[in-house]
N, C-alpha and C. Protein backbone atom coordinates (compact mmCIF):
# COMPACT_ATOMS: atom_id res chain seq x y z
N UNK A 1 -109.87 -71.22 -32.45
CA UNK A 1 -109.63 -70.29 -31.36
C UNK A 1 -110.50 -69.06 -31.57
N UNK A 2 -111.07 -68.57 -30.50
CA UNK A 2 -111.94 -67.40 -30.55
C UNK A 2 -111.10 -66.15 -30.33
N UNK A 3 -111.26 -65.17 -31.18
CA UNK A 3 -110.54 -63.91 -31.03
C UNK A 3 -111.01 -63.21 -29.77
N UNK A 4 -110.07 -62.73 -28.96
CA UNK A 4 -110.41 -61.99 -27.76
C UNK A 4 -110.97 -62.86 -26.65
N UNK A 5 -110.86 -64.18 -26.79
CA UNK A 5 -111.41 -65.08 -25.78
C UNK A 5 -110.55 -65.22 -24.55
N UNK A 6 -109.35 -64.68 -24.58
CA UNK A 6 -108.49 -64.73 -23.40
C UNK A 6 -107.61 -65.96 -23.34
N UNK A 7 -107.70 -66.86 -24.30
CA UNK A 7 -106.88 -68.06 -24.28
C UNK A 7 -105.42 -67.68 -24.38
N UNK A 8 -104.62 -68.13 -23.45
CA UNK A 8 -103.19 -67.87 -23.48
C UNK A 8 -102.81 -66.53 -22.87
N UNK A 9 -103.76 -65.79 -22.33
CA UNK A 9 -103.42 -64.49 -21.76
C UNK A 9 -102.85 -64.68 -20.35
N UNK A 10 -102.05 -63.75 -19.92
CA UNK A 10 -101.43 -63.81 -18.60
C UNK A 10 -102.43 -63.37 -17.53
N UNK A 11 -102.35 -63.93 -16.33
CA UNK A 11 -103.23 -63.49 -15.26
C UNK A 11 -102.92 -62.04 -14.86
N UNK A 12 -103.89 -61.37 -14.28
CA UNK A 12 -103.68 -59.98 -13.87
C UNK A 12 -102.62 -59.87 -12.79
N UNK A 13 -102.59 -60.83 -11.90
CA UNK A 13 -101.62 -60.81 -10.81
C UNK A 13 -101.19 -62.23 -10.51
N UNK A 14 -99.92 -62.42 -10.24
CA UNK A 14 -99.46 -63.76 -9.90
C UNK A 14 -99.58 -64.02 -8.40
N UNK A 15 -100.05 -63.03 -7.66
CA UNK A 15 -100.23 -63.17 -6.22
C UNK A 15 -101.69 -63.50 -5.91
N UNK A 16 -101.95 -64.56 -5.12
CA UNK A 16 -103.34 -64.91 -4.79
C UNK A 16 -103.97 -63.85 -3.90
N UNK A 17 -105.30 -63.76 -3.90
CA UNK A 17 -105.98 -62.78 -3.05
C UNK A 17 -105.71 -63.05 -1.57
N UNK A 18 -105.81 -62.00 -0.75
CA UNK A 18 -105.62 -62.14 0.70
C UNK A 18 -106.59 -63.18 1.25
N UNK A 19 -106.12 -64.00 2.18
CA UNK A 19 -106.96 -65.02 2.80
C UNK A 19 -107.00 -66.33 2.04
N UNK A 20 -106.32 -66.41 0.89
CA UNK A 20 -106.31 -67.63 0.09
C UNK A 20 -105.26 -68.58 0.63
N UNK A 21 -105.62 -69.85 0.80
CA UNK A 21 -104.66 -70.86 1.23
C UNK A 21 -104.00 -71.47 -0.01
N UNK A 22 -102.69 -71.43 -0.04
CA UNK A 22 -101.93 -71.95 -1.18
C UNK A 22 -101.05 -73.10 -0.69
N UNK A 23 -101.18 -74.29 -1.30
CA UNK A 23 -100.32 -75.41 -0.86
C UNK A 23 -98.85 -75.14 -1.17
N UNK A 24 -98.00 -75.48 -0.22
CA UNK A 24 -96.56 -75.30 -0.42
C UNK A 24 -95.98 -76.51 -1.12
N UNK A 25 -96.47 -77.70 -0.79
CA UNK A 25 -95.99 -78.93 -1.40
C UNK A 25 -97.12 -79.95 -1.42
N UNK A 26 -97.09 -80.82 -2.40
CA UNK A 26 -98.06 -81.90 -2.50
C UNK A 26 -97.29 -83.21 -2.51
N UNK A 27 -97.59 -84.06 -1.53
CA UNK A 27 -96.90 -85.35 -1.46
C UNK A 27 -97.69 -86.40 -2.22
N UNK A 28 -97.01 -87.19 -3.00
CA UNK A 28 -97.63 -88.29 -3.73
C UNK A 28 -96.92 -89.58 -3.39
N UNK A 29 -97.57 -90.67 -3.63
CA UNK A 29 -96.95 -91.97 -3.38
C UNK A 29 -97.22 -92.90 -4.56
N UNK A 30 -96.31 -93.81 -4.78
CA UNK A 30 -96.46 -94.80 -5.83
C UNK A 30 -97.07 -96.06 -5.21
N UNK A 31 -98.05 -96.66 -5.88
CA UNK A 31 -98.67 -97.88 -5.39
C UNK A 31 -98.63 -98.94 -6.46
N UNK A 32 -98.56 -100.18 -6.02
CA UNK A 32 -98.59 -101.31 -6.93
C UNK A 32 -100.02 -101.67 -7.30
N UNK A 33 -100.20 -102.55 -8.26
CA UNK A 33 -101.54 -102.95 -8.73
C UNK A 33 -102.41 -103.52 -7.61
N UNK A 34 -101.82 -104.21 -6.64
CA UNK A 34 -102.58 -104.81 -5.55
C UNK A 34 -103.13 -103.77 -4.58
N UNK A 35 -102.58 -102.57 -4.59
CA UNK A 35 -102.98 -101.52 -3.64
C UNK A 35 -103.92 -100.47 -4.25
N UNK A 36 -104.46 -100.73 -5.43
CA UNK A 36 -105.32 -99.76 -6.10
C UNK A 36 -106.64 -99.62 -5.34
N UNK A 37 -107.08 -98.37 -5.15
CA UNK A 37 -108.34 -98.08 -4.47
C UNK A 37 -109.22 -97.24 -5.40
N UNK A 38 -110.54 -97.40 -5.29
CA UNK A 38 -111.47 -96.58 -6.05
C UNK A 38 -111.61 -95.24 -5.34
N UNK A 39 -111.53 -94.15 -6.10
CA UNK A 39 -111.66 -92.80 -5.55
C UNK A 39 -112.84 -92.13 -6.24
N UNK A 40 -113.70 -91.50 -5.45
CA UNK A 40 -114.85 -90.78 -5.99
C UNK A 40 -114.64 -89.29 -5.81
N UNK A 41 -114.71 -88.53 -6.90
CA UNK A 41 -114.60 -87.08 -6.84
C UNK A 41 -116.01 -86.50 -6.95
N UNK A 42 -116.44 -85.82 -5.91
CA UNK A 42 -117.79 -85.26 -5.87
C UNK A 42 -117.74 -83.74 -6.01
N UNK A 43 -118.71 -83.19 -6.71
CA UNK A 43 -118.84 -81.74 -6.84
C UNK A 43 -120.22 -81.37 -6.34
N UNK A 44 -120.29 -80.51 -5.33
CA UNK A 44 -121.57 -80.08 -4.77
C UNK A 44 -121.80 -78.64 -5.16
N UNK A 45 -122.93 -78.37 -5.80
CA UNK A 45 -123.23 -77.02 -6.28
C UNK A 45 -123.45 -76.01 -5.16
N UNK A 46 -124.10 -76.41 -4.08
CA UNK A 46 -124.39 -75.47 -3.00
C UNK A 46 -123.81 -76.00 -1.70
N UNK A 47 -123.62 -75.12 -0.74
CA UNK A 47 -123.12 -75.53 0.56
C UNK A 47 -124.26 -76.10 1.37
N UNK A 48 -124.10 -77.31 1.86
CA UNK A 48 -125.13 -77.96 2.66
C UNK A 48 -124.48 -78.72 3.81
N UNK A 49 -125.20 -78.90 4.87
CA UNK A 49 -124.77 -79.76 5.97
C UNK A 49 -125.54 -81.07 5.84
N UNK A 50 -124.82 -82.15 5.65
CA UNK A 50 -125.48 -83.44 5.48
C UNK A 50 -125.34 -84.25 6.73
C-alpha cells in the first residue's frame, strides 16, 4: 500500500454532482445454460459518430 495514496479514504461528498443521472434500481434476470449470450463490452476513447 502506498502512503497517502488515498486507498480507503472517504469521498468528499456522498451526493453526486448536479445533472448526474443515478440509477434507482437495476433489474437482473437468471438464465439457464441454453440461454447464454455473448456480450461485448466496448470502451471508446473519444466521442465519435459512426
